[in-house]
Amino acid sequence: MFEHCRGLAIESVDGAVIEDITVDNLAMRDLTTSPLFIRLGRRMRAPEGTKVGAIRRVNISNVTVSQANAPYASIVAGLPEAPVEDVRISNLTVVHGGGGRAADLQRQIPEHADHYPEPSMFGVTPAYGLYVRHARNLSVHHADLRTAAREGRPPVVLHEVDGAGFEHVRFAHDAAAPTFVLQDVRGFAVHDAQGLRDIARASHGRASF
C-alpha cells in the first residue's frame, strides 16, 4: 500500500533504455500527483553523443487507487521522435477527486522535452483519468475510472498515438463530456465499454465520442 505518495513513475530522460517491466498488485491512496506516470524525455544529462532512451514493453496490472489528486490524470508521454511503446494496463480502478472544468480540455499541453520529469510539468491534464501523447501500441482492459465529485473533463484523451485498444472498461463522466477525445490517433478500437458501441477505426484527425 502506497499512502500520501506521488504515485508510480517510470521515467527516462537522460538516455536510459527501460524495457520489459512488470508492475502487479499495487494499492495507492491519497496521491499528490498522477497515479501512473510514464515519461520518456530528452533532458540528456549524459555523455556527449548519448541518444534519446526508450520505454517499451511495460505491463501494469491489478492496481487500485483512491483519493487521487484531481488536477492530474495518469500520464503516458513520449516524444514525437521517440514514442513510449507497448504499454499494457489491466485491472485498474482509480477514484479521482473530481472538480476539473470542461475548459481544461482546450489547454495546449507543453512538450517540455528537456525538463525534469514529473506530472506537474504539464499542468492540469485535459483528461481526468488517462492522458496519452506520443505513444505506440497502448492496451487498456478491465479498467474502471470514476470521480468522487463532479468532473467536467473527459476520462481519456489520446494525442498522437499509433495503436490504442480499450476493452471491458467503465469510465464515468459528466453528461456533457465525451468518454474519449482523440487527436491524430491511428488504429483505435473499443470493445465492451459501458455506454458506448464497439468502435474500430483506422485513423482520427480529431474526434470525440
N, C-alpha and C. Protein backbone atom coordinates (compact mmCIF):
# COMPACT_ATOMS: atom_id res chain seq x y z
N MET A 1 0.84 -1.19 0.00
CA MET A 1 0.00 0.00 0.00
C MET A 1 0.87 1.25 0.00
N PHE A 2 0.67 2.14 -1.00
CA PHE A 2 1.31 3.45 -1.01
C PHE A 2 0.30 4.45 -0.43
N GLU A 3 0.68 5.22 0.58
CA GLU A 3 -0.21 6.24 1.14
C GLU A 3 0.50 7.58 1.15
N HIS A 4 -0.24 8.65 0.82
CA HIS A 4 0.29 10.01 0.79
C HIS A 4 1.56 10.06 -0.06
N CYS A 5 1.45 9.57 -1.28
CA CYS A 5 2.63 9.45 -2.14
C CYS A 5 2.39 10.15 -3.47
N ARG A 6 3.36 10.06 -4.34
CA ARG A 6 3.30 10.69 -5.66
C ARG A 6 2.92 9.72 -6.77
N GLY A 7 2.50 8.52 -6.42
CA GLY A 7 2.09 7.57 -7.43
C GLY A 7 3.27 6.76 -7.96
N LEU A 8 3.01 6.00 -9.01
CA LEU A 8 4.02 5.14 -9.63
C LEU A 8 4.60 5.85 -10.85
N ALA A 9 5.93 5.98 -10.91
CA ALA A 9 6.58 6.67 -12.02
C ALA A 9 7.63 5.78 -12.68
N ILE A 10 7.63 5.79 -14.00
CA ILE A 10 8.65 5.13 -14.81
C ILE A 10 9.16 6.19 -15.76
N GLU A 11 10.45 6.57 -15.63
CA GLU A 11 10.95 7.75 -16.32
C GLU A 11 12.32 7.50 -16.95
N SER A 12 12.50 8.01 -18.16
CA SER A 12 13.81 8.04 -18.81
C SER A 12 13.95 9.37 -19.53
N VAL A 13 14.91 10.20 -19.08
CA VAL A 13 15.12 11.49 -19.73
C VAL A 13 16.58 11.75 -20.09
N ASP A 14 17.47 10.85 -19.69
CA ASP A 14 18.90 11.05 -19.92
C ASP A 14 19.52 9.92 -20.75
N GLY A 15 18.69 9.26 -21.55
CA GLY A 15 19.21 8.24 -22.46
C GLY A 15 19.04 6.81 -22.01
N ALA A 16 18.46 6.57 -20.85
CA ALA A 16 18.29 5.19 -20.36
C ALA A 16 17.26 4.44 -21.19
N VAL A 17 17.49 3.15 -21.38
CA VAL A 17 16.51 2.25 -22.00
C VAL A 17 15.83 1.47 -20.89
N ILE A 18 14.51 1.64 -20.78
CA ILE A 18 13.71 0.94 -19.78
C ILE A 18 12.77 0.02 -20.55
N GLU A 19 12.91 -1.27 -20.34
CA GLU A 19 12.10 -2.21 -21.11
C GLU A 19 11.82 -3.47 -20.30
N ASP A 20 10.74 -4.18 -20.72
CA ASP A 20 10.36 -5.45 -20.10
C ASP A 20 10.10 -5.27 -18.60
N ILE A 21 9.15 -4.38 -18.29
CA ILE A 21 8.81 -4.04 -16.92
C ILE A 21 7.43 -4.59 -16.58
N THR A 22 7.31 -5.22 -15.42
CA THR A 22 6.03 -5.68 -14.92
C THR A 22 5.77 -5.09 -13.54
N VAL A 23 4.61 -4.47 -13.38
CA VAL A 23 4.16 -3.96 -12.08
C VAL A 23 2.82 -4.62 -11.78
N ASP A 24 2.70 -5.25 -10.62
CA ASP A 24 1.49 -6.02 -10.33
C ASP A 24 1.11 -5.87 -8.86
N ASN A 25 -0.21 -5.82 -8.63
CA ASN A 25 -0.75 -5.90 -7.28
C ASN A 25 -0.33 -4.72 -6.41
N LEU A 26 -0.84 -3.54 -6.77
CA LEU A 26 -0.45 -2.31 -6.10
C LEU A 26 -1.70 -1.53 -5.67
N ALA A 27 -1.69 -1.05 -4.43
CA ALA A 27 -2.77 -0.20 -3.92
C ALA A 27 -2.18 1.14 -3.50
N MET A 28 -2.87 2.24 -3.85
CA MET A 28 -2.40 3.58 -3.53
C MET A 28 -3.56 4.44 -3.03
N ARG A 29 -3.25 5.36 -2.11
CA ARG A 29 -4.28 6.20 -1.52
C ARG A 29 -3.70 7.58 -1.22
N ASP A 30 -4.55 8.60 -1.38
CA ASP A 30 -4.16 9.99 -1.09
C ASP A 30 -2.94 10.41 -1.91
N LEU A 31 -3.10 10.40 -3.22
CA LEU A 31 -1.97 10.73 -4.10
C LEU A 31 -1.88 12.24 -4.33
N THR A 32 -0.66 12.72 -4.45
CA THR A 32 -0.44 14.15 -4.69
C THR A 32 -0.26 14.48 -6.16
N THR A 33 0.03 13.49 -7.00
CA THR A 33 0.15 13.73 -8.45
C THR A 33 -0.52 12.57 -9.19
N SER A 34 0.01 12.19 -10.34
CA SER A 34 -0.61 11.17 -11.18
C SER A 34 -0.52 9.78 -10.54
N PRO A 35 -1.57 8.98 -10.65
CA PRO A 35 -1.47 7.60 -10.19
C PRO A 35 -0.40 6.81 -10.95
N LEU A 36 -0.37 6.95 -12.28
CA LEU A 36 0.63 6.31 -13.13
C LEU A 36 1.27 7.37 -14.00
N PHE A 37 2.59 7.40 -14.03
CA PHE A 37 3.31 8.41 -14.81
C PHE A 37 4.46 7.73 -15.55
N ILE A 38 4.33 7.66 -16.87
CA ILE A 38 5.37 7.06 -17.71
C ILE A 38 5.85 8.16 -18.65
N ARG A 39 7.13 8.52 -18.52
CA ARG A 39 7.66 9.66 -19.26
C ARG A 39 8.98 9.34 -19.92
N LEU A 40 9.03 9.55 -21.23
CA LEU A 40 10.27 9.49 -22.00
C LEU A 40 10.58 10.89 -22.49
N GLY A 41 11.68 11.46 -21.99
CA GLY A 41 12.04 12.83 -22.33
C GLY A 41 13.44 12.95 -22.92
N ARG A 42 13.89 14.20 -23.04
CA ARG A 42 15.16 14.47 -23.72
C ARG A 42 15.96 15.52 -22.93
N ARG A 43 16.11 15.34 -21.64
CA ARG A 43 16.95 16.26 -20.86
C ARG A 43 18.42 16.06 -21.21
N MET A 44 18.84 14.81 -21.33
CA MET A 44 20.16 14.41 -21.82
C MET A 44 21.32 14.93 -20.98
N ARG A 45 21.22 14.77 -19.68
CA ARG A 45 22.38 14.95 -18.80
C ARG A 45 23.17 13.64 -18.83
N ALA A 46 23.96 13.49 -19.89
CA ALA A 46 24.64 12.23 -20.18
C ALA A 46 25.87 12.55 -21.02
N PRO A 47 26.75 11.57 -21.20
CA PRO A 47 27.94 11.80 -22.03
C PRO A 47 27.57 12.26 -23.43
N GLU A 48 28.41 13.07 -24.01
CA GLU A 48 28.16 13.58 -25.36
C GLU A 48 27.97 12.43 -26.34
N GLY A 49 26.99 12.57 -27.19
CA GLY A 49 26.69 11.54 -28.17
C GLY A 49 25.63 10.54 -27.72
N THR A 50 25.21 10.61 -26.46
CA THR A 50 24.16 9.71 -25.98
C THR A 50 22.86 10.00 -26.71
N LYS A 51 22.18 8.96 -27.11
CA LYS A 51 20.92 9.10 -27.83
C LYS A 51 19.74 9.11 -26.85
N VAL A 52 18.61 9.61 -27.33
CA VAL A 52 17.39 9.55 -26.53
C VAL A 52 17.11 8.10 -26.19
N GLY A 53 16.68 7.85 -24.96
CA GLY A 53 16.44 6.49 -24.50
C GLY A 53 15.16 5.90 -25.06
N ALA A 54 14.61 4.94 -24.34
CA ALA A 54 13.39 4.26 -24.78
C ALA A 54 12.66 3.73 -23.55
N ILE A 55 11.34 3.68 -23.67
CA ILE A 55 10.50 2.97 -22.69
C ILE A 55 9.58 2.08 -23.50
N ARG A 56 9.66 0.78 -23.25
CA ARG A 56 8.86 -0.14 -24.05
C ARG A 56 8.58 -1.44 -23.28
N ARG A 57 7.50 -2.07 -23.67
CA ARG A 57 7.06 -3.33 -23.08
C ARG A 57 6.91 -3.20 -21.56
N VAL A 58 5.87 -2.41 -21.21
CA VAL A 58 5.54 -2.17 -19.81
C VAL A 58 4.15 -2.75 -19.53
N ASN A 59 4.06 -3.62 -18.55
CA ASN A 59 2.81 -4.29 -18.20
C ASN A 59 2.45 -3.91 -16.77
N ILE A 60 1.34 -3.17 -16.60
CA ILE A 60 0.89 -2.73 -15.28
C ILE A 60 -0.48 -3.36 -15.03
N SER A 61 -0.61 -4.09 -13.93
CA SER A 61 -1.86 -4.81 -13.69
C SER A 61 -2.23 -4.83 -12.21
N ASN A 62 -3.52 -4.98 -11.98
CA ASN A 62 -4.06 -5.13 -10.63
C ASN A 62 -3.67 -3.95 -9.73
N VAL A 63 -4.11 -2.76 -10.15
CA VAL A 63 -3.82 -1.53 -9.43
C VAL A 63 -5.13 -0.89 -8.97
N THR A 64 -5.19 -0.54 -7.69
CA THR A 64 -6.35 0.13 -7.11
C THR A 64 -5.90 1.44 -6.48
N VAL A 65 -6.60 2.53 -6.83
CA VAL A 65 -6.22 3.86 -6.35
C VAL A 65 -7.46 4.58 -5.84
N SER A 66 -7.34 5.20 -4.67
CA SER A 66 -8.42 6.04 -4.16
C SER A 66 -7.86 7.40 -3.75
N GLN A 67 -8.71 8.42 -3.86
CA GLN A 67 -8.33 9.79 -3.49
C GLN A 67 -7.12 10.27 -4.29
N ALA A 68 -7.22 10.11 -5.60
CA ALA A 68 -6.17 10.63 -6.48
C ALA A 68 -6.35 12.13 -6.65
N ASN A 69 -5.24 12.86 -6.72
CA ASN A 69 -5.27 14.31 -6.83
C ASN A 69 -5.97 14.74 -8.12
N ALA A 70 -6.93 15.62 -8.00
CA ALA A 70 -7.80 15.96 -9.12
C ALA A 70 -7.11 16.52 -10.36
N PRO A 71 -6.09 17.40 -10.26
CA PRO A 71 -5.58 18.02 -11.50
C PRO A 71 -4.91 17.06 -12.47
N TYR A 72 -4.43 15.89 -11.99
CA TYR A 72 -3.55 15.07 -12.81
C TYR A 72 -4.12 13.69 -13.09
N ALA A 73 -4.30 13.41 -14.36
CA ALA A 73 -4.64 12.06 -14.78
C ALA A 73 -3.39 11.17 -14.74
N SER A 74 -3.57 9.88 -14.92
CA SER A 74 -2.43 9.03 -15.25
C SER A 74 -1.90 9.49 -16.61
N ILE A 75 -0.58 9.50 -16.77
CA ILE A 75 0.04 10.09 -17.96
C ILE A 75 1.02 9.10 -18.58
N VAL A 76 0.91 8.93 -19.89
CA VAL A 76 1.92 8.24 -20.69
C VAL A 76 2.37 9.24 -21.74
N ALA A 77 3.62 9.69 -21.66
CA ALA A 77 4.08 10.78 -22.55
C ALA A 77 5.48 10.50 -23.06
N GLY A 78 5.60 10.37 -24.37
CA GLY A 78 6.90 10.24 -25.00
C GLY A 78 7.24 11.50 -25.77
N LEU A 79 8.01 11.35 -26.83
CA LEU A 79 8.41 12.46 -27.70
C LEU A 79 7.93 12.17 -29.11
N PRO A 80 7.76 13.19 -29.95
CA PRO A 80 7.32 12.93 -31.32
C PRO A 80 8.24 11.95 -32.05
N GLU A 81 9.55 12.06 -31.81
CA GLU A 81 10.50 11.18 -32.48
C GLU A 81 10.80 9.91 -31.69
N ALA A 82 10.28 9.79 -30.48
CA ALA A 82 10.57 8.64 -29.63
C ALA A 82 9.36 8.32 -28.76
N PRO A 83 8.36 7.66 -29.33
CA PRO A 83 7.17 7.36 -28.55
C PRO A 83 7.43 6.27 -27.50
N VAL A 84 6.65 6.33 -26.44
CA VAL A 84 6.61 5.21 -25.49
C VAL A 84 5.90 4.06 -26.19
N GLU A 85 6.41 2.83 -26.04
CA GLU A 85 5.89 1.72 -26.81
C GLU A 85 5.39 0.57 -25.94
N ASP A 86 4.33 -0.06 -26.41
CA ASP A 86 3.86 -1.34 -25.87
C ASP A 86 3.56 -1.26 -24.37
N VAL A 87 2.62 -0.38 -24.03
CA VAL A 87 2.16 -0.27 -22.65
C VAL A 87 0.82 -0.98 -22.52
N ARG A 88 0.75 -1.87 -21.56
CA ARG A 88 -0.47 -2.63 -21.32
C ARG A 88 -0.91 -2.39 -19.88
N ILE A 89 -2.13 -1.88 -19.71
CA ILE A 89 -2.69 -1.59 -18.39
C ILE A 89 -3.95 -2.42 -18.21
N SER A 90 -4.01 -3.20 -17.14
CA SER A 90 -5.15 -4.08 -16.94
C SER A 90 -5.56 -4.13 -15.48
N ASN A 91 -6.84 -4.39 -15.27
CA ASN A 91 -7.39 -4.50 -13.92
C ASN A 91 -7.02 -3.27 -13.08
N LEU A 92 -7.45 -2.12 -13.57
CA LEU A 92 -7.14 -0.84 -12.94
C LEU A 92 -8.42 -0.19 -12.44
N THR A 93 -8.42 0.25 -11.20
CA THR A 93 -9.53 1.02 -10.63
C THR A 93 -8.96 2.28 -9.99
N VAL A 94 -9.46 3.44 -10.43
CA VAL A 94 -8.98 4.71 -9.89
C VAL A 94 -10.18 5.60 -9.57
N VAL A 95 -10.20 6.14 -8.35
CA VAL A 95 -11.19 7.14 -7.96
C VAL A 95 -10.46 8.48 -7.83
N HIS A 96 -10.77 9.40 -8.74
CA HIS A 96 -10.15 10.72 -8.74
C HIS A 96 -10.99 11.70 -7.92
N GLY A 97 -10.37 12.81 -7.57
CA GLY A 97 -11.06 13.77 -6.72
C GLY A 97 -12.19 14.52 -7.41
N GLY A 98 -12.08 14.73 -8.73
CA GLY A 98 -13.09 15.50 -9.45
C GLY A 98 -12.83 16.99 -9.34
N GLY A 99 -13.71 17.77 -9.94
CA GLY A 99 -13.60 19.22 -9.87
C GLY A 99 -12.99 19.88 -11.09
N GLY A 100 -12.55 19.08 -12.08
CA GLY A 100 -12.00 19.66 -13.30
C GLY A 100 -13.06 20.36 -14.13
N ARG A 101 -12.61 21.27 -15.00
CA ARG A 101 -13.52 22.04 -15.83
C ARG A 101 -13.48 21.57 -17.28
N ALA A 102 -14.58 21.73 -17.98
CA ALA A 102 -14.61 21.39 -19.40
C ALA A 102 -13.58 22.19 -20.17
N ALA A 103 -13.31 23.42 -19.74
CA ALA A 103 -12.34 24.28 -20.43
C ALA A 103 -10.93 23.72 -20.36
N ASP A 104 -10.64 22.86 -19.38
CA ASP A 104 -9.30 22.27 -19.28
C ASP A 104 -8.96 21.42 -20.49
N LEU A 105 -9.97 20.93 -21.17
CA LEU A 105 -9.74 20.12 -22.36
C LEU A 105 -9.08 20.92 -23.47
N GLN A 106 -9.25 22.22 -23.46
CA GLN A 106 -8.72 23.06 -24.54
C GLN A 106 -7.29 23.52 -24.28
N ARG A 107 -6.71 23.18 -23.14
CA ARG A 107 -5.35 23.60 -22.85
C ARG A 107 -4.36 23.04 -23.86
N GLN A 108 -3.40 23.86 -24.24
CA GLN A 108 -2.30 23.40 -25.08
C GLN A 108 -1.20 22.87 -24.15
N ILE A 109 -0.98 21.59 -24.18
CA ILE A 109 -0.05 20.96 -23.25
C ILE A 109 1.38 21.11 -23.78
N PRO A 110 2.28 21.71 -23.00
CA PRO A 110 3.67 21.90 -23.47
C PRO A 110 4.41 20.57 -23.57
N GLU A 111 5.38 20.52 -24.46
CA GLU A 111 6.21 19.32 -24.59
C GLU A 111 7.20 19.19 -23.43
N HIS A 112 7.89 20.27 -23.10
CA HIS A 112 8.88 20.27 -22.02
C HIS A 112 9.83 19.07 -22.15
N ALA A 113 10.36 18.86 -23.35
CA ALA A 113 11.19 17.68 -23.62
C ALA A 113 12.42 17.63 -22.74
N ASP A 114 12.95 18.79 -22.35
CA ASP A 114 14.22 18.83 -21.62
C ASP A 114 14.03 19.07 -20.12
N HIS A 115 12.80 18.96 -19.62
CA HIS A 115 12.53 19.23 -18.21
C HIS A 115 12.73 18.00 -17.33
N TYR A 116 12.91 18.25 -16.05
CA TYR A 116 12.88 17.18 -15.07
C TYR A 116 11.51 16.51 -15.13
N PRO A 117 11.44 15.19 -15.10
CA PRO A 117 10.15 14.51 -15.30
C PRO A 117 9.29 14.46 -14.03
N GLU A 118 8.17 15.11 -14.08
CA GLU A 118 7.17 15.00 -13.02
C GLU A 118 5.82 15.39 -13.62
N PRO A 119 4.73 14.82 -13.12
CA PRO A 119 3.42 15.08 -13.73
C PRO A 119 3.04 16.56 -13.80
N SER A 120 3.44 17.34 -12.80
CA SER A 120 3.05 18.75 -12.78
C SER A 120 3.69 19.56 -13.90
N MET A 121 4.68 18.99 -14.61
CA MET A 121 5.33 19.71 -15.70
C MET A 121 4.35 20.06 -16.82
N PHE A 122 3.28 19.30 -16.94
CA PHE A 122 2.29 19.53 -17.99
C PHE A 122 1.12 20.39 -17.53
N GLY A 123 1.05 20.69 -16.24
CA GLY A 123 -0.09 21.42 -15.71
C GLY A 123 -1.32 20.52 -15.63
N VAL A 124 -2.47 21.12 -15.46
CA VAL A 124 -3.72 20.37 -15.38
C VAL A 124 -3.90 19.58 -16.67
N THR A 125 -4.12 18.29 -16.57
CA THR A 125 -4.28 17.47 -17.76
C THR A 125 -5.67 17.64 -18.37
N PRO A 126 -5.80 17.49 -19.69
CA PRO A 126 -7.10 17.67 -20.34
C PRO A 126 -8.09 16.55 -20.05
N ALA A 127 -7.60 15.41 -19.59
CA ALA A 127 -8.44 14.30 -19.16
C ALA A 127 -8.30 14.14 -17.65
N TYR A 128 -9.32 13.61 -17.02
CA TYR A 128 -9.18 13.37 -15.58
C TYR A 128 -8.58 12.00 -15.29
N GLY A 129 -8.72 11.04 -16.22
CA GLY A 129 -8.32 9.67 -15.92
C GLY A 129 -7.04 9.20 -16.58
N LEU A 130 -6.91 9.43 -17.91
CA LEU A 130 -5.75 8.94 -18.65
C LEU A 130 -5.44 9.90 -19.80
N TYR A 131 -4.22 10.44 -19.80
CA TYR A 131 -3.75 11.31 -20.88
C TYR A 131 -2.52 10.66 -21.50
N VAL A 132 -2.59 10.39 -22.82
CA VAL A 132 -1.52 9.70 -23.53
C VAL A 132 -1.12 10.53 -24.74
N ARG A 133 0.19 10.80 -24.86
CA ARG A 133 0.70 11.56 -26.01
C ARG A 133 2.02 10.95 -26.47
N HIS A 134 2.17 10.79 -27.77
CA HIS A 134 3.38 10.22 -28.37
C HIS A 134 3.61 8.81 -27.82
N ALA A 135 2.76 7.91 -28.24
CA ALA A 135 2.85 6.51 -27.79
C ALA A 135 2.48 5.59 -28.94
N ARG A 136 2.94 4.34 -28.82
CA ARG A 136 2.64 3.33 -29.83
C ARG A 136 2.24 2.04 -29.12
N ASN A 137 1.13 1.47 -29.55
CA ASN A 137 0.65 0.19 -29.03
C ASN A 137 0.28 0.29 -27.54
N LEU A 138 -0.84 0.94 -27.29
CA LEU A 138 -1.40 1.07 -25.94
C LEU A 138 -2.59 0.13 -25.81
N SER A 139 -2.62 -0.63 -24.72
CA SER A 139 -3.72 -1.55 -24.47
C SER A 139 -4.23 -1.33 -23.05
N VAL A 140 -5.53 -1.10 -22.92
CA VAL A 140 -6.16 -0.91 -21.61
C VAL A 140 -7.38 -1.82 -21.54
N HIS A 141 -7.40 -2.69 -20.56
CA HIS A 141 -8.59 -3.54 -20.42
C HIS A 141 -8.90 -3.80 -18.96
N HIS A 142 -10.20 -4.03 -18.73
CA HIS A 142 -10.73 -4.21 -17.38
C HIS A 142 -10.28 -3.04 -16.50
N ALA A 143 -10.73 -1.85 -16.89
CA ALA A 143 -10.38 -0.63 -16.16
C ALA A 143 -11.65 0.12 -15.77
N ASP A 144 -11.60 0.73 -14.60
CA ASP A 144 -12.73 1.49 -14.05
C ASP A 144 -12.19 2.83 -13.56
N LEU A 145 -12.60 3.92 -14.21
CA LEU A 145 -12.20 5.27 -13.81
C LEU A 145 -13.44 6.02 -13.37
N ARG A 146 -13.36 6.68 -12.21
CA ARG A 146 -14.51 7.43 -11.71
C ARG A 146 -14.02 8.60 -10.87
N THR A 147 -14.95 9.46 -10.45
CA THR A 147 -14.59 10.63 -9.66
C THR A 147 -15.46 10.72 -8.41
N ALA A 148 -14.88 11.32 -7.36
CA ALA A 148 -15.61 11.49 -6.11
C ALA A 148 -16.51 12.72 -6.14
N ALA A 149 -16.22 13.67 -7.03
CA ALA A 149 -17.03 14.88 -7.18
C ALA A 149 -17.25 15.13 -8.67
N ARG A 150 -18.13 16.05 -8.98
CA ARG A 150 -18.44 16.32 -10.38
C ARG A 150 -17.18 16.73 -11.13
N GLU A 151 -17.07 16.27 -12.37
CA GLU A 151 -15.86 16.43 -13.18
C GLU A 151 -16.25 16.81 -14.61
N GLY A 152 -15.69 17.94 -15.11
CA GLY A 152 -16.04 18.42 -16.44
C GLY A 152 -15.19 17.88 -17.56
N ARG A 153 -14.03 17.28 -17.23
CA ARG A 153 -13.14 16.76 -18.26
C ARG A 153 -13.55 15.34 -18.67
N PRO A 154 -13.18 14.92 -19.86
CA PRO A 154 -13.43 13.53 -20.27
C PRO A 154 -12.49 12.58 -19.53
N PRO A 155 -12.82 11.31 -19.48
CA PRO A 155 -11.94 10.34 -18.83
C PRO A 155 -10.62 10.14 -19.56
N VAL A 156 -10.65 10.11 -20.91
CA VAL A 156 -9.47 9.73 -21.68
C VAL A 156 -9.21 10.70 -22.82
N VAL A 157 -7.97 11.16 -22.95
CA VAL A 157 -7.53 11.96 -24.09
C VAL A 157 -6.27 11.31 -24.67
N LEU A 158 -6.29 11.06 -25.98
CA LEU A 158 -5.15 10.49 -26.70
C LEU A 158 -4.70 11.46 -27.77
N HIS A 159 -3.39 11.70 -27.83
CA HIS A 159 -2.83 12.66 -28.79
C HIS A 159 -1.58 12.05 -29.42
N GLU A 160 -1.62 11.90 -30.72
CA GLU A 160 -0.52 11.30 -31.47
C GLU A 160 -0.17 9.91 -30.91
N VAL A 161 -1.12 9.02 -31.06
CA VAL A 161 -0.97 7.64 -30.60
C VAL A 161 -1.19 6.72 -31.79
N ASP A 162 -0.30 5.76 -31.94
CA ASP A 162 -0.37 4.80 -33.04
C ASP A 162 -0.70 3.44 -32.47
N GLY A 163 -1.97 3.07 -32.52
CA GLY A 163 -2.43 1.79 -31.99
C GLY A 163 -2.88 1.90 -30.55
N ALA A 164 -4.21 1.92 -30.34
CA ALA A 164 -4.76 2.01 -28.99
C ALA A 164 -6.01 1.15 -28.91
N GLY A 165 -6.07 0.27 -27.92
CA GLY A 165 -7.23 -0.59 -27.74
C GLY A 165 -7.74 -0.54 -26.31
N PHE A 166 -9.05 -0.43 -26.17
CA PHE A 166 -9.70 -0.40 -24.86
C PHE A 166 -10.77 -1.49 -24.84
N GLU A 167 -10.75 -2.32 -23.82
CA GLU A 167 -11.67 -3.45 -23.76
C GLU A 167 -12.15 -3.67 -22.33
N HIS A 168 -13.45 -3.91 -22.19
CA HIS A 168 -14.06 -4.13 -20.88
C HIS A 168 -13.71 -2.99 -19.92
N VAL A 169 -14.15 -1.77 -20.29
CA VAL A 169 -13.83 -0.60 -19.48
C VAL A 169 -15.12 0.13 -19.07
N ARG A 170 -15.04 0.79 -17.93
CA ARG A 170 -16.14 1.61 -17.43
C ARG A 170 -15.55 2.94 -16.99
N PHE A 171 -15.88 4.00 -17.74
CA PHE A 171 -15.31 5.31 -17.49
C PHE A 171 -16.44 6.29 -17.20
N ALA A 172 -16.58 6.70 -15.97
CA ALA A 172 -17.63 7.66 -15.61
C ALA A 172 -17.28 9.04 -16.13
N HIS A 173 -18.33 9.82 -16.49
CA HIS A 173 -18.09 11.19 -16.95
C HIS A 173 -19.37 11.99 -16.87
N ASP A 174 -19.23 13.30 -16.87
CA ASP A 174 -20.38 14.19 -16.88
C ASP A 174 -21.15 14.00 -18.18
N ALA A 175 -22.43 14.22 -18.12
CA ALA A 175 -23.27 14.03 -19.31
C ALA A 175 -22.83 14.90 -20.48
N ALA A 176 -22.25 16.05 -20.19
CA ALA A 176 -21.83 16.96 -21.26
C ALA A 176 -20.44 16.63 -21.81
N ALA A 177 -19.74 15.72 -21.19
CA ALA A 177 -18.37 15.39 -21.61
C ALA A 177 -18.34 14.07 -22.37
N PRO A 178 -17.51 13.95 -23.39
CA PRO A 178 -17.36 12.66 -24.07
C PRO A 178 -16.53 11.71 -23.23
N THR A 179 -16.52 10.44 -23.63
CA THR A 179 -15.69 9.45 -22.96
C THR A 179 -14.25 9.53 -23.46
N PHE A 180 -14.09 9.63 -24.78
CA PHE A 180 -12.77 9.69 -25.41
C PHE A 180 -12.65 10.96 -26.24
N VAL A 181 -11.47 11.56 -26.21
CA VAL A 181 -11.13 12.63 -27.15
C VAL A 181 -9.83 12.22 -27.82
N LEU A 182 -9.83 12.19 -29.15
CA LEU A 182 -8.68 11.72 -29.91
C LEU A 182 -8.18 12.81 -30.85
N GLN A 183 -6.87 12.92 -30.96
CA GLN A 183 -6.26 13.81 -31.94
C GLN A 183 -5.06 13.10 -32.56
N ASP A 184 -5.08 12.94 -33.87
CA ASP A 184 -4.00 12.27 -34.60
C ASP A 184 -3.74 10.88 -34.02
N VAL A 185 -4.78 10.09 -34.00
CA VAL A 185 -4.70 8.71 -33.49
C VAL A 185 -4.94 7.75 -34.64
N ARG A 186 -4.09 6.74 -34.73
CA ARG A 186 -4.20 5.75 -35.79
C ARG A 186 -4.39 4.37 -35.17
N GLY A 187 -5.37 3.63 -35.69
CA GLY A 187 -5.61 2.29 -35.19
C GLY A 187 -6.22 2.29 -33.81
N PHE A 188 -7.47 2.73 -33.71
CA PHE A 188 -8.16 2.86 -32.42
C PHE A 188 -9.33 1.89 -32.37
N ALA A 189 -9.48 1.20 -31.23
CA ALA A 189 -10.57 0.25 -31.08
C ALA A 189 -11.08 0.25 -29.65
N VAL A 190 -12.40 0.12 -29.51
CA VAL A 190 -13.06 0.00 -28.21
C VAL A 190 -14.02 -1.17 -28.27
N HIS A 191 -13.96 -2.02 -27.26
CA HIS A 191 -14.88 -3.15 -27.19
C HIS A 191 -15.41 -3.28 -25.76
N ASP A 192 -16.70 -3.36 -25.65
CA ASP A 192 -17.35 -3.54 -24.34
C ASP A 192 -17.00 -2.42 -23.37
N ALA A 193 -17.28 -1.19 -23.82
CA ALA A 193 -17.14 -0.02 -22.94
C ALA A 193 -18.53 0.44 -22.54
N GLN A 194 -18.74 0.61 -21.26
CA GLN A 194 -20.06 0.99 -20.76
C GLN A 194 -20.52 2.29 -21.40
N GLY A 195 -21.70 2.27 -22.01
CA GLY A 195 -22.29 3.45 -22.61
C GLY A 195 -21.86 3.74 -24.03
N LEU A 196 -20.98 2.92 -24.61
CA LEU A 196 -20.50 3.13 -25.97
C LEU A 196 -20.68 1.88 -26.81
N ARG A 197 -20.96 2.08 -28.08
CA ARG A 197 -20.95 0.96 -29.00
C ARG A 197 -19.49 0.58 -29.28
N ASP A 198 -19.28 -0.61 -29.77
CA ASP A 198 -17.93 -1.03 -30.16
C ASP A 198 -17.45 -0.15 -31.33
N ILE A 199 -16.18 0.19 -31.30
CA ILE A 199 -15.60 1.09 -32.31
C ILE A 199 -14.30 0.49 -32.80
N ALA A 200 -14.08 0.54 -34.11
CA ALA A 200 -12.79 0.16 -34.70
C ALA A 200 -12.57 1.06 -35.92
N ARG A 201 -11.57 1.94 -35.82
CA ARG A 201 -11.32 2.88 -36.89
C ARG A 201 -9.83 2.96 -37.17
N ALA A 202 -9.49 3.22 -38.43
CA ALA A 202 -8.09 3.26 -38.83
C ALA A 202 -7.40 4.54 -38.37
N SER A 203 -8.10 5.67 -38.41
CA SER A 203 -7.45 6.92 -38.04
C SER A 203 -8.48 7.96 -37.62
N HIS A 204 -8.00 8.90 -36.81
CA HIS A 204 -8.81 10.04 -36.37
C HIS A 204 -7.93 11.27 -36.40
N GLY A 205 -8.31 12.28 -37.21
CA GLY A 205 -7.63 13.55 -37.10
C GLY A 205 -7.96 14.18 -35.77
N ARG A 206 -9.25 14.37 -35.52
CA ARG A 206 -9.74 14.79 -34.21
C ARG A 206 -11.15 14.26 -34.08
N ALA A 207 -11.45 13.63 -32.97
CA ALA A 207 -12.76 13.05 -32.76
C ALA A 207 -13.05 12.94 -31.27
N SER A 208 -14.32 12.94 -30.93
CA SER A 208 -14.74 12.71 -29.55
C SER A 208 -16.04 11.94 -29.57
N PHE A 209 -16.22 11.07 -28.60
CA PHE A 209 -17.44 10.26 -28.51
C PHE A 209 -17.56 9.68 -27.11
